[in-house]
Amino acid sequence: MANEGIQKSPGSSLPYPKQGWQKWAFRAPLLLWRMGLGPVIGKIIMVITTTGHKSKQPRHNMAEYYTLDGKKYTVCAYGKKAAWYKNIKADPRVTVQTAGGTQSMEAVRVTDDEELLQVVELFMHRNSTLTGRYLASLGIKPDRSDLLTKKDRLYLLRFDPIAGPTPPGLEADLMWIWPVIGFGIILLSWVRKKFL
């Protein structure tokens, strides 16, 4: 019962969030972005806006990213099972938002051996625990030979700048909440002084 709403990806020990609090937890950073905290969280997490492969509507997701030789990379931990990867397969034109701004990009799965090894090395250097768990969940040892032999299991994505239309990015449409919170704090402080 504890794992109700969670499915394991085939060949992976990573649970895929299907519903409930797990799904909400994966989407919570989008709320922070909408509250205007993009310049803060956008230093390590990017918003990827895809076009829904069924709905044809903009779909927003967040992923940790790293930069190598001026290019942004991320991993799709749930591979082809992830809705946002299905969207990318149907239409690789995406909008990427980071602390550095908004860019029209094309998402490309990394398949070149040398690039793949460099990206995995970068990920291991920056976050060895999480990268190690990801590789282990796919049955991959963090060595050159095993990585290349089993590279079809890896869903590493590179984002290349493009000209032309991409889906609209995520807006900071909840910034109004900060003055409301501020007013609430001031009001609560006044009430406590006046009546307590």
N, C-alpha and C. Protein backbone atom coordinates (compact mmCIF):
# COMPACT_ATOMS: atom_id res chain seq x y z
N MET A 1 0.79 -1.20 0.00
CA MET A 1 0.00 0.00 0.00
C MET A 1 0.84 1.27 0.00
N ALA A 2 2.01 1.21 0.64
CA ALA A 2 2.85 2.40 0.72
C ALA A 2 3.31 2.86 -0.65
N ASN A 3 3.46 1.96 -1.60
CA ASN A 3 3.93 2.33 -2.92
C ASN A 3 2.80 2.50 -3.92
N GLU A 4 1.56 2.61 -3.42
CA GLU A 4 0.45 2.81 -4.33
C GLU A 4 0.66 4.11 -5.10
N GLY A 5 0.46 4.07 -6.39
CA GLY A 5 0.66 5.26 -7.21
C GLY A 5 2.06 5.39 -7.76
N ILE A 6 2.95 4.46 -7.43
CA ILE A 6 4.31 4.50 -7.94
C ILE A 6 4.55 3.25 -8.77
N GLN A 7 5.14 3.46 -9.94
CA GLN A 7 5.52 2.33 -10.78
C GLN A 7 7.02 2.39 -11.00
N LYS A 8 7.64 1.23 -11.04
CA LYS A 8 9.08 1.20 -11.34
C LYS A 8 9.27 1.16 -12.85
N SER A 9 10.25 1.94 -13.31
CA SER A 9 10.57 1.92 -14.72
C SER A 9 11.19 0.58 -15.06
N PRO A 10 10.89 0.02 -16.25
CA PRO A 10 11.51 -1.24 -16.63
C PRO A 10 13.03 -1.11 -16.61
N GLY A 11 13.70 -2.06 -15.98
CA GLY A 11 15.17 -2.04 -15.93
C GLY A 11 15.71 -0.97 -15.00
N SER A 12 14.84 -0.40 -14.17
CA SER A 12 15.28 0.67 -13.29
C SER A 12 14.72 0.45 -11.89
N SER A 13 15.48 0.86 -10.88
CA SER A 13 14.96 0.78 -9.52
C SER A 13 14.36 2.12 -9.11
N LEU A 14 14.36 3.09 -10.02
CA LEU A 14 13.79 4.39 -9.72
C LEU A 14 12.28 4.33 -9.87
N PRO A 15 11.53 4.68 -8.82
CA PRO A 15 10.07 4.67 -8.94
C PRO A 15 9.60 5.86 -9.77
N TYR A 16 8.64 5.60 -10.65
CA TYR A 16 8.07 6.65 -11.49
C TYR A 16 6.83 7.20 -10.81
N PRO A 17 6.79 8.51 -10.52
CA PRO A 17 5.64 9.06 -9.81
C PRO A 17 4.41 9.10 -10.71
N LYS A 18 3.35 8.41 -10.29
CA LYS A 18 2.13 8.36 -11.08
C LYS A 18 1.03 9.26 -10.53
N GLN A 19 0.97 9.43 -9.20
CA GLN A 19 -0.10 10.23 -8.62
C GLN A 19 0.27 10.62 -7.21
N GLY A 20 -0.62 11.36 -6.57
CA GLY A 20 -0.47 11.70 -5.16
C GLY A 20 0.70 12.62 -4.88
N TRP A 21 1.20 12.51 -3.64
CA TRP A 21 2.24 13.44 -3.19
C TRP A 21 3.53 13.29 -3.96
N GLN A 22 3.84 12.09 -4.48
CA GLN A 22 5.08 11.91 -5.23
C GLN A 22 5.07 12.78 -6.49
N LYS A 23 3.96 12.76 -7.20
CA LYS A 23 3.85 13.57 -8.41
C LYS A 23 3.92 15.06 -8.06
N TRP A 24 3.23 15.45 -6.97
CA TRP A 24 3.26 16.84 -6.55
C TRP A 24 4.68 17.27 -6.18
N ALA A 25 5.41 16.41 -5.49
CA ALA A 25 6.78 16.76 -5.06
C ALA A 25 7.69 17.01 -6.26
N PHE A 26 7.50 16.25 -7.34
CA PHE A 26 8.32 16.44 -8.53
C PHE A 26 7.96 17.74 -9.25
N ARG A 27 6.73 18.22 -9.06
CA ARG A 27 6.28 19.42 -9.75
C ARG A 27 6.38 20.67 -8.88
N ALA A 28 6.67 20.53 -7.60
CA ALA A 28 6.71 21.66 -6.67
C ALA A 28 7.66 22.78 -7.11
N PRO A 29 8.85 22.47 -7.66
CA PRO A 29 9.72 23.58 -8.08
C PRO A 29 9.10 24.49 -9.14
N LEU A 30 8.14 23.98 -9.91
CA LEU A 30 7.45 24.84 -10.88
C LEU A 30 6.69 25.95 -10.17
N LEU A 31 6.13 25.63 -9.01
CA LEU A 31 5.42 26.63 -8.22
C LEU A 31 6.38 27.73 -7.76
N LEU A 32 7.57 27.32 -7.33
CA LEU A 32 8.58 28.31 -6.91
C LEU A 32 8.96 29.22 -8.07
N TRP A 33 9.08 28.63 -9.26
CA TRP A 33 9.40 29.43 -10.46
C TRP A 33 8.28 30.44 -10.72
N ARG A 34 7.04 29.98 -10.63
CA ARG A 34 5.90 30.85 -10.87
C ARG A 34 5.82 31.97 -9.83
N MET A 35 6.39 31.73 -8.64
CA MET A 35 6.41 32.74 -7.58
C MET A 35 7.55 33.74 -7.76
N GLY A 36 8.28 33.62 -8.87
CA GLY A 36 9.33 34.59 -9.17
C GLY A 36 10.71 34.21 -8.68
N LEU A 37 10.91 32.97 -8.25
CA LEU A 37 12.21 32.55 -7.74
C LEU A 37 13.11 31.93 -8.81
N GLY A 38 12.77 32.14 -10.07
CA GLY A 38 13.57 31.62 -11.18
C GLY A 38 15.04 32.02 -11.11
N PRO A 39 15.34 33.29 -10.81
CA PRO A 39 16.76 33.68 -10.74
C PRO A 39 17.56 32.92 -9.68
N VAL A 40 16.87 32.38 -8.67
CA VAL A 40 17.56 31.63 -7.62
C VAL A 40 17.66 30.15 -7.99
N ILE A 41 16.51 29.50 -8.20
CA ILE A 41 16.53 28.07 -8.49
C ILE A 41 17.01 27.77 -9.90
N GLY A 42 16.95 28.78 -10.77
CA GLY A 42 17.37 28.60 -12.16
C GLY A 42 18.87 28.48 -12.35
N LYS A 43 19.62 28.55 -11.25
CA LYS A 43 21.07 28.35 -11.34
C LYS A 43 21.42 26.86 -11.41
N ILE A 44 20.51 26.02 -10.89
CA ILE A 44 20.79 24.58 -10.91
C ILE A 44 19.68 23.77 -11.59
N ILE A 45 18.49 24.37 -11.66
CA ILE A 45 17.35 23.67 -12.24
C ILE A 45 16.80 24.51 -13.40
N MET A 46 16.49 23.85 -14.49
CA MET A 46 15.91 24.56 -15.63
C MET A 46 14.47 24.13 -15.84
N VAL A 47 13.69 25.06 -16.39
CA VAL A 47 12.34 24.74 -16.83
C VAL A 47 12.44 24.36 -18.30
N ILE A 48 11.90 23.20 -18.63
CA ILE A 48 11.86 22.74 -20.02
C ILE A 48 10.39 22.75 -20.43
N THR A 49 10.06 23.58 -21.41
CA THR A 49 8.68 23.62 -21.90
C THR A 49 8.63 22.87 -23.21
N THR A 50 7.84 21.81 -23.22
CA THR A 50 7.65 20.99 -24.41
C THR A 50 6.23 21.21 -24.93
N THR A 51 5.96 20.62 -26.10
CA THR A 51 4.60 20.61 -26.63
C THR A 51 4.04 19.21 -26.39
N GLY A 52 2.90 19.14 -25.72
CA GLY A 52 2.30 17.85 -25.41
C GLY A 52 2.08 17.02 -26.65
N HIS A 53 2.55 15.77 -26.63
CA HIS A 53 2.45 14.93 -27.84
C HIS A 53 1.02 14.56 -28.17
N LYS A 54 0.12 14.62 -27.20
CA LYS A 54 -1.30 14.37 -27.46
C LYS A 54 -2.10 15.66 -27.47
N SER A 55 -1.90 16.49 -26.45
CA SER A 55 -2.70 17.70 -26.29
C SER A 55 -2.28 18.84 -27.20
N LYS A 56 -1.01 18.84 -27.62
CA LYS A 56 -0.42 19.94 -28.40
C LYS A 56 -0.37 21.25 -27.60
N GLN A 57 -0.49 21.15 -26.28
CA GLN A 57 -0.43 22.30 -25.39
C GLN A 57 0.95 22.36 -24.72
N PRO A 58 1.39 23.56 -24.30
CA PRO A 58 2.68 23.67 -23.59
C PRO A 58 2.66 22.87 -22.29
N ARG A 59 3.74 22.12 -22.06
CA ARG A 59 3.90 21.33 -20.84
C ARG A 59 5.23 21.71 -20.21
N HIS A 60 5.20 22.05 -18.93
CA HIS A 60 6.39 22.53 -18.22
C HIS A 60 6.92 21.46 -17.28
N ASN A 61 8.24 21.26 -17.31
CA ASN A 61 8.92 20.33 -16.42
C ASN A 61 10.21 20.97 -15.96
N MET A 62 10.72 20.46 -14.84
CA MET A 62 11.98 20.98 -14.33
C MET A 62 12.98 19.85 -14.23
N ALA A 63 14.24 20.19 -14.48
CA ALA A 63 15.31 19.19 -14.40
C ALA A 63 16.60 19.88 -13.98
N GLU A 64 17.39 19.18 -13.21
CA GLU A 64 18.73 19.66 -12.87
C GLU A 64 19.55 19.65 -14.15
N TYR A 65 20.40 20.65 -14.32
CA TYR A 65 21.21 20.71 -15.54
C TYR A 65 22.64 21.13 -15.22
N TYR A 66 23.51 20.80 -16.15
CA TYR A 66 24.91 21.22 -16.08
C TYR A 66 25.33 21.72 -17.45
N THR A 67 26.34 22.57 -17.45
CA THR A 67 26.83 23.15 -18.71
C THR A 67 28.22 22.62 -19.01
N LEU A 68 28.40 22.21 -20.26
CA LEU A 68 29.69 21.73 -20.73
C LEU A 68 29.96 22.37 -22.08
N ASP A 69 31.10 23.07 -22.19
CA ASP A 69 31.47 23.77 -23.42
C ASP A 69 30.34 24.66 -23.92
N GLY A 70 29.67 25.34 -23.00
CA GLY A 70 28.61 26.29 -23.36
C GLY A 70 27.26 25.65 -23.67
N LYS A 71 27.16 24.32 -23.58
CA LYS A 71 25.90 23.65 -23.88
C LYS A 71 25.29 23.08 -22.61
N LYS A 72 23.97 23.13 -22.54
CA LYS A 72 23.26 22.63 -21.37
C LYS A 72 22.90 21.17 -21.58
N TYR A 73 23.07 20.39 -20.49
CA TYR A 73 22.76 18.96 -20.51
C TYR A 73 21.91 18.60 -19.30
N THR A 74 21.05 17.62 -19.47
CA THR A 74 20.29 17.07 -18.36
C THR A 74 20.08 15.59 -18.61
N VAL A 75 19.55 14.92 -17.61
CA VAL A 75 19.23 13.51 -17.74
C VAL A 75 17.72 13.35 -17.55
N CYS A 76 17.14 12.51 -18.35
CA CYS A 76 15.74 12.14 -18.17
C CYS A 76 15.76 10.80 -17.43
N ALA A 77 15.67 10.86 -16.11
CA ALA A 77 15.88 9.68 -15.26
C ALA A 77 14.92 8.54 -15.56
N TYR A 78 13.72 8.86 -16.02
CA TYR A 78 12.73 7.81 -16.30
C TYR A 78 12.68 7.43 -17.77
N GLY A 79 13.63 7.96 -18.54
CA GLY A 79 13.76 7.57 -19.94
C GLY A 79 12.49 7.74 -20.74
N LYS A 80 12.24 6.77 -21.61
CA LYS A 80 11.12 6.88 -22.54
C LYS A 80 9.76 6.81 -21.85
N LYS A 81 9.74 6.47 -20.57
CA LYS A 81 8.48 6.42 -19.81
C LYS A 81 8.00 7.82 -19.43
N ALA A 82 8.93 8.76 -19.31
CA ALA A 82 8.59 10.12 -18.87
C ALA A 82 7.75 10.84 -19.93
N ALA A 83 6.70 11.49 -19.48
CA ALA A 83 5.82 12.22 -20.41
C ALA A 83 6.58 13.30 -21.16
N TRP A 84 7.51 13.99 -20.49
CA TRP A 84 8.21 15.07 -21.19
C TRP A 84 9.17 14.52 -22.23
N TYR A 85 9.70 13.31 -22.03
CA TYR A 85 10.54 12.72 -23.07
C TYR A 85 9.68 12.30 -24.27
N LYS A 86 8.48 11.79 -24.01
CA LYS A 86 7.56 11.46 -25.11
C LYS A 86 7.24 12.71 -25.92
N ASN A 87 7.07 13.84 -25.22
CA ASN A 87 6.81 15.10 -25.91
C ASN A 87 7.99 15.50 -26.79
N ILE A 88 9.21 15.33 -26.26
CA ILE A 88 10.42 15.67 -27.02
C ILE A 88 10.58 14.78 -28.23
N LYS A 89 10.26 13.50 -28.08
CA LYS A 89 10.34 12.59 -29.22
C LYS A 89 9.39 13.03 -30.33
N ALA A 90 8.21 13.52 -29.96
CA ALA A 90 7.23 13.97 -30.94
C ALA A 90 7.60 15.32 -31.55
N ASP A 91 8.20 16.20 -30.74
CA ASP A 91 8.60 17.53 -31.21
C ASP A 91 9.77 18.00 -30.36
N PRO A 92 11.00 17.94 -30.90
CA PRO A 92 12.18 18.28 -30.09
C PRO A 92 12.38 19.78 -29.84
N ARG A 93 11.54 20.62 -30.41
CA ARG A 93 11.66 22.07 -30.17
C ARG A 93 11.10 22.40 -28.79
N VAL A 94 11.95 22.96 -27.95
CA VAL A 94 11.58 23.26 -26.57
C VAL A 94 12.01 24.68 -26.21
N THR A 95 11.45 25.16 -25.12
CA THR A 95 11.89 26.42 -24.53
C THR A 95 12.56 26.08 -23.21
N VAL A 96 13.77 26.59 -23.03
CA VAL A 96 14.54 26.33 -21.81
C VAL A 96 14.70 27.64 -21.05
N GLN A 97 14.38 27.59 -19.75
CA GLN A 97 14.53 28.76 -18.90
C GLN A 97 15.45 28.43 -17.74
N THR A 98 16.45 29.29 -17.56
CA THR A 98 17.39 29.17 -16.44
C THR A 98 17.56 30.56 -15.83
N ALA A 99 18.43 30.67 -14.85
CA ALA A 99 18.72 31.98 -14.27
C ALA A 99 19.30 32.91 -15.33
N GLY A 100 19.88 32.34 -16.38
CA GLY A 100 20.48 33.14 -17.46
C GLY A 100 19.49 33.64 -18.50
N GLY A 101 18.22 33.21 -18.41
CA GLY A 101 17.22 33.70 -19.35
C GLY A 101 16.47 32.57 -20.04
N THR A 102 15.73 32.95 -21.07
CA THR A 102 14.89 32.03 -21.83
C THR A 102 15.47 31.85 -23.22
N GLN A 103 15.54 30.58 -23.66
CA GLN A 103 16.11 30.28 -24.98
C GLN A 103 15.25 29.28 -25.73
N SER A 104 15.19 29.46 -27.05
CA SER A 104 14.57 28.47 -27.93
C SER A 104 15.62 27.42 -28.24
N MET A 105 15.29 26.17 -28.01
CA MET A 105 16.27 25.10 -28.15
C MET A 105 15.68 23.88 -28.85
N GLU A 106 16.59 23.02 -29.27
CA GLU A 106 16.20 21.70 -29.75
C GLU A 106 16.83 20.69 -28.81
N ALA A 107 16.02 19.78 -28.30
CA ALA A 107 16.52 18.74 -27.40
C ALA A 107 17.03 17.57 -28.23
N VAL A 108 18.26 17.16 -27.95
CA VAL A 108 18.90 16.08 -28.70
C VAL A 108 19.42 15.03 -27.72
N ARG A 109 19.07 13.79 -27.94
CA ARG A 109 19.59 12.72 -27.08
C ARG A 109 21.06 12.49 -27.42
N VAL A 110 21.90 12.43 -26.39
CA VAL A 110 23.35 12.25 -26.59
C VAL A 110 23.61 10.78 -26.91
N THR A 111 24.20 10.55 -28.09
CA THR A 111 24.52 9.18 -28.50
C THR A 111 26.00 9.01 -28.86
N ASP A 112 26.68 10.13 -29.15
CA ASP A 112 28.10 10.07 -29.49
C ASP A 112 28.90 9.59 -28.28
N ASP A 113 29.76 8.59 -28.49
CA ASP A 113 30.50 7.97 -27.38
C ASP A 113 31.30 8.97 -26.56
N GLU A 114 32.11 9.79 -27.23
CA GLU A 114 32.97 10.71 -26.48
C GLU A 114 32.17 11.76 -25.74
N GLU A 115 31.14 12.30 -26.38
CA GLU A 115 30.30 13.30 -25.72
C GLU A 115 29.60 12.67 -24.52
N LEU A 116 29.08 11.47 -24.69
CA LEU A 116 28.39 10.78 -23.62
C LEU A 116 29.32 10.58 -22.41
N LEU A 117 30.54 10.13 -22.67
CA LEU A 117 31.50 9.93 -21.58
C LEU A 117 31.83 11.24 -20.87
N GLN A 118 31.99 12.31 -21.65
CA GLN A 118 32.29 13.62 -21.05
C GLN A 118 31.14 14.11 -20.18
N VAL A 119 29.91 13.90 -20.65
CA VAL A 119 28.74 14.35 -19.89
C VAL A 119 28.59 13.54 -18.60
N VAL A 120 28.74 12.23 -18.68
CA VAL A 120 28.64 11.40 -17.48
C VAL A 120 29.74 11.79 -16.49
N GLU A 121 30.94 12.05 -16.98
CA GLU A 121 32.04 12.47 -16.11
C GLU A 121 31.70 13.79 -15.42
N LEU A 122 31.11 14.72 -16.18
CA LEU A 122 30.70 16.00 -15.59
C LEU A 122 29.65 15.78 -14.51
N PHE A 123 28.65 14.96 -14.82
CA PHE A 123 27.59 14.69 -13.84
C PHE A 123 28.17 14.03 -12.59
N MET A 124 29.10 13.08 -12.77
CA MET A 124 29.74 12.41 -11.63
C MET A 124 30.53 13.41 -10.79
N HIS A 125 31.19 14.33 -11.46
CA HIS A 125 31.99 15.34 -10.76
C HIS A 125 31.10 16.27 -9.94
N ARG A 126 29.96 16.67 -10.52
CA ARG A 126 29.08 17.63 -9.86
C ARG A 126 28.15 17.01 -8.83
N ASN A 127 27.68 15.78 -9.10
CA ASN A 127 26.74 15.14 -8.17
C ASN A 127 26.93 13.63 -8.24
N SER A 128 28.01 13.16 -7.64
CA SER A 128 28.37 11.76 -7.77
C SER A 128 27.34 10.82 -7.13
N THR A 129 26.72 11.24 -6.03
CA THR A 129 25.75 10.37 -5.36
C THR A 129 24.54 10.11 -6.25
N LEU A 130 23.92 11.18 -6.75
CA LEU A 130 22.73 11.03 -7.57
C LEU A 130 23.04 10.35 -8.90
N THR A 131 24.16 10.71 -9.51
CA THR A 131 24.55 10.09 -10.79
C THR A 131 24.86 8.62 -10.59
N GLY A 132 25.54 8.30 -9.50
CA GLY A 132 25.84 6.90 -9.20
C GLY A 132 24.58 6.07 -9.01
N ARG A 133 23.60 6.65 -8.32
CA ARG A 133 22.32 5.95 -8.12
C ARG A 133 21.59 5.76 -9.45
N TYR A 134 21.63 6.77 -10.28
CA TYR A 134 20.97 6.68 -11.59
C TYR A 134 21.60 5.56 -12.41
N LEU A 135 22.92 5.55 -12.49
CA LEU A 135 23.61 4.50 -13.26
C LEU A 135 23.33 3.12 -12.67
N ALA A 136 23.38 3.01 -11.35
CA ALA A 136 23.12 1.72 -10.70
C ALA A 136 21.69 1.25 -10.98
N SER A 137 20.74 2.18 -11.02
CA SER A 137 19.35 1.80 -11.29
C SER A 137 19.18 1.22 -12.69
N LEU A 138 20.12 1.54 -13.57
CA LEU A 138 20.09 1.03 -14.94
C LEU A 138 21.01 -0.17 -15.12
N GLY A 139 21.66 -0.59 -14.04
CA GLY A 139 22.59 -1.71 -14.12
C GLY A 139 23.87 -1.35 -14.84
N ILE A 140 24.31 -0.10 -14.71
CA ILE A 140 25.52 0.37 -15.38
C ILE A 140 26.58 0.71 -14.34
N LYS A 141 27.78 0.18 -14.55
CA LYS A 141 28.92 0.54 -13.70
C LYS A 141 29.51 1.84 -14.24
N PRO A 142 30.01 2.69 -13.34
CA PRO A 142 30.56 3.97 -13.80
C PRO A 142 31.97 3.84 -14.39
N ASP A 143 32.12 2.96 -15.36
CA ASP A 143 33.39 2.88 -16.07
C ASP A 143 33.12 2.96 -17.57
N ARG A 144 34.15 3.38 -18.30
CA ARG A 144 34.04 3.62 -19.75
C ARG A 144 33.40 2.47 -20.51
N SER A 145 33.91 1.30 -20.29
CA SER A 145 33.48 0.13 -21.04
C SER A 145 31.99 -0.16 -20.83
N ASP A 146 31.57 -0.18 -19.56
CA ASP A 146 30.18 -0.51 -19.26
C ASP A 146 29.24 0.60 -19.74
N LEU A 147 29.67 1.85 -19.59
CA LEU A 147 28.86 2.97 -20.07
C LEU A 147 28.59 2.86 -21.57
N LEU A 148 29.64 2.56 -22.32
CA LEU A 148 29.48 2.49 -23.78
C LEU A 148 28.71 1.24 -24.21
N THR A 149 28.91 0.14 -23.51
CA THR A 149 28.18 -1.08 -23.84
C THR A 149 26.69 -0.92 -23.60
N LYS A 150 26.33 -0.16 -22.55
CA LYS A 150 24.92 -0.04 -22.17
C LYS A 150 24.38 1.38 -22.39
N LYS A 151 24.97 2.12 -23.31
CA LYS A 151 24.59 3.52 -23.49
C LYS A 151 23.15 3.72 -23.95
N ASP A 152 22.57 2.67 -24.55
CA ASP A 152 21.18 2.78 -24.99
C ASP A 152 20.21 2.92 -23.81
N ARG A 153 20.67 2.60 -22.60
CA ARG A 153 19.84 2.73 -21.40
C ARG A 153 19.84 4.16 -20.87
N LEU A 154 20.83 4.96 -21.29
CA LEU A 154 20.98 6.33 -20.79
C LEU A 154 20.14 7.30 -21.62
N TYR A 155 19.48 8.20 -20.92
CA TYR A 155 18.70 9.24 -21.59
C TYR A 155 19.27 10.60 -21.19
N LEU A 156 20.44 10.90 -21.77
CA LEU A 156 21.09 12.19 -21.56
C LEU A 156 20.68 13.10 -22.71
N LEU A 157 20.31 14.33 -22.38
CA LEU A 157 19.85 15.27 -23.39
C LEU A 157 20.73 16.50 -23.44
N ARG A 158 20.98 16.96 -24.66
CA ARG A 158 21.71 18.21 -24.91
C ARG A 158 20.71 19.18 -25.52
N PHE A 159 20.86 20.45 -25.21
CA PHE A 159 19.97 21.46 -25.75
C PHE A 159 20.76 22.39 -26.66
N ASP A 160 20.40 22.39 -27.94
CA ASP A 160 21.06 23.22 -28.94
C ASP A 160 20.18 24.41 -29.30
N PRO A 161 20.76 25.63 -29.30
CA PRO A 161 19.97 26.82 -29.66
C PRO A 161 19.45 26.71 -31.10
N ILE A 162 18.21 27.17 -31.30
CA ILE A 162 17.62 27.19 -32.64
C ILE A 162 16.90 28.51 -32.84
N ALA A 163 16.68 28.84 -34.10
CA ALA A 163 15.83 29.98 -34.45
C ALA A 163 14.44 29.41 -34.74
N GLY A 164 13.45 30.20 -34.58
CA GLY A 164 12.11 29.72 -34.88
C GLY A 164 11.28 29.54 -33.63
N PRO A 165 10.00 29.28 -33.82
CA PRO A 165 9.08 29.21 -32.69
C PRO A 165 9.26 27.96 -31.84
N THR A 166 9.10 28.15 -30.56
CA THR A 166 9.06 27.07 -29.57
C THR A 166 7.90 27.37 -28.63
N PRO A 167 7.48 26.42 -27.83
CA PRO A 167 6.33 26.69 -26.95
C PRO A 167 6.63 27.81 -25.95
N PRO A 168 5.59 28.53 -25.52
CA PRO A 168 5.80 29.62 -24.55
C PRO A 168 6.32 29.10 -23.22
N GLY A 169 7.29 29.82 -22.66
CA GLY A 169 7.88 29.43 -21.38
C GLY A 169 6.93 29.65 -20.21
N LEU A 170 7.39 29.23 -19.05
CA LEU A 170 6.61 29.36 -17.82
C LEU A 170 6.71 30.79 -17.30
N GLU A 171 5.57 31.39 -17.03
CA GLU A 171 5.55 32.77 -16.55
C GLU A 171 5.61 32.80 -15.02
N ALA A 172 6.14 33.91 -14.51
CA ALA A 172 6.16 34.14 -13.06
C ALA A 172 4.86 34.84 -12.71
N ASP A 173 3.75 34.10 -12.78
CA ASP A 173 2.42 34.68 -12.62
C ASP A 173 1.91 34.68 -11.18
N LEU A 174 2.72 34.20 -10.25
CA LEU A 174 2.29 34.18 -8.85
C LEU A 174 3.12 35.11 -7.96
N MET A 175 3.79 36.08 -8.57
CA MET A 175 4.61 37.00 -7.78
C MET A 175 3.76 37.85 -6.84
N TRP A 176 2.48 37.98 -7.13
CA TRP A 176 1.57 38.74 -6.28
C TRP A 176 1.49 38.16 -4.86
N ILE A 177 1.90 36.92 -4.72
CA ILE A 177 1.77 36.27 -3.41
C ILE A 177 2.70 36.90 -2.37
N TRP A 178 3.84 37.46 -2.80
CA TRP A 178 4.80 38.03 -1.84
C TRP A 178 4.24 39.25 -1.10
N PRO A 179 3.61 40.21 -1.81
CA PRO A 179 3.00 41.32 -1.05
C PRO A 179 1.89 40.84 -0.11
N VAL A 180 1.13 39.83 -0.53
CA VAL A 180 0.07 39.28 0.32
C VAL A 180 0.68 38.67 1.58
N ILE A 181 1.76 37.90 1.41
CA ILE A 181 2.44 37.30 2.56
C ILE A 181 2.99 38.40 3.47
N GLY A 182 3.61 39.42 2.86
CA GLY A 182 4.16 40.54 3.64
C GLY A 182 3.09 41.25 4.43
N PHE A 183 1.94 41.53 3.76
CA PHE A 183 0.84 42.19 4.45
C PHE A 183 0.31 41.32 5.58
N GLY A 184 0.22 40.00 5.33
CA GLY A 184 -0.25 39.06 6.36
C GLY A 184 0.66 39.07 7.58
N ILE A 185 1.95 39.11 7.37
CA ILE A 185 2.92 39.14 8.48
C ILE A 185 2.77 40.43 9.28
N ILE A 186 2.64 41.55 8.56
CA ILE A 186 2.47 42.85 9.25
C ILE A 186 1.17 42.86 10.05
N LEU A 187 0.09 42.36 9.45
CA LEU A 187 -1.21 42.31 10.13
C LEU A 187 -1.15 41.41 11.36
N LEU A 188 -0.54 40.24 11.23
CA LEU A 188 -0.41 39.32 12.35
C LEU A 188 0.41 39.94 13.47
N SER A 189 1.47 40.64 13.11
CA SER A 189 2.32 41.30 14.11
C SER A 189 1.52 42.38 14.84
N TRP A 190 0.74 43.14 14.10
CA TRP A 190 -0.08 44.20 14.71
C TRP A 190 -1.12 43.60 15.65
N VAL A 191 -1.79 42.52 15.22
CA VAL A 191 -2.80 41.86 16.04
C VAL A 191 -2.19 41.34 17.33
N ARG A 192 -1.02 40.74 17.23
CA ARG A 192 -0.36 40.19 18.43
C ARG A 192 -0.02 41.31 19.41
N LYS A 193 0.48 42.43 18.89
CA LYS A 193 0.84 43.56 19.77
C LYS A 193 -0.41 44.18 20.40
N LYS A 194 -1.46 44.28 19.61
CA LYS A 194 -2.67 44.96 20.06
C LYS A 194 -3.49 44.15 21.04
N PHE A 195 -3.60 42.84 20.77
CA PHE A 195 -4.54 42.03 21.55
C PHE A 195 -3.91 40.94 22.42
N LEU A 196 -2.64 40.70 22.28
CA LEU A 196 -2.03 39.62 23.07
C LEU A 196 -1.08 40.16 24.13
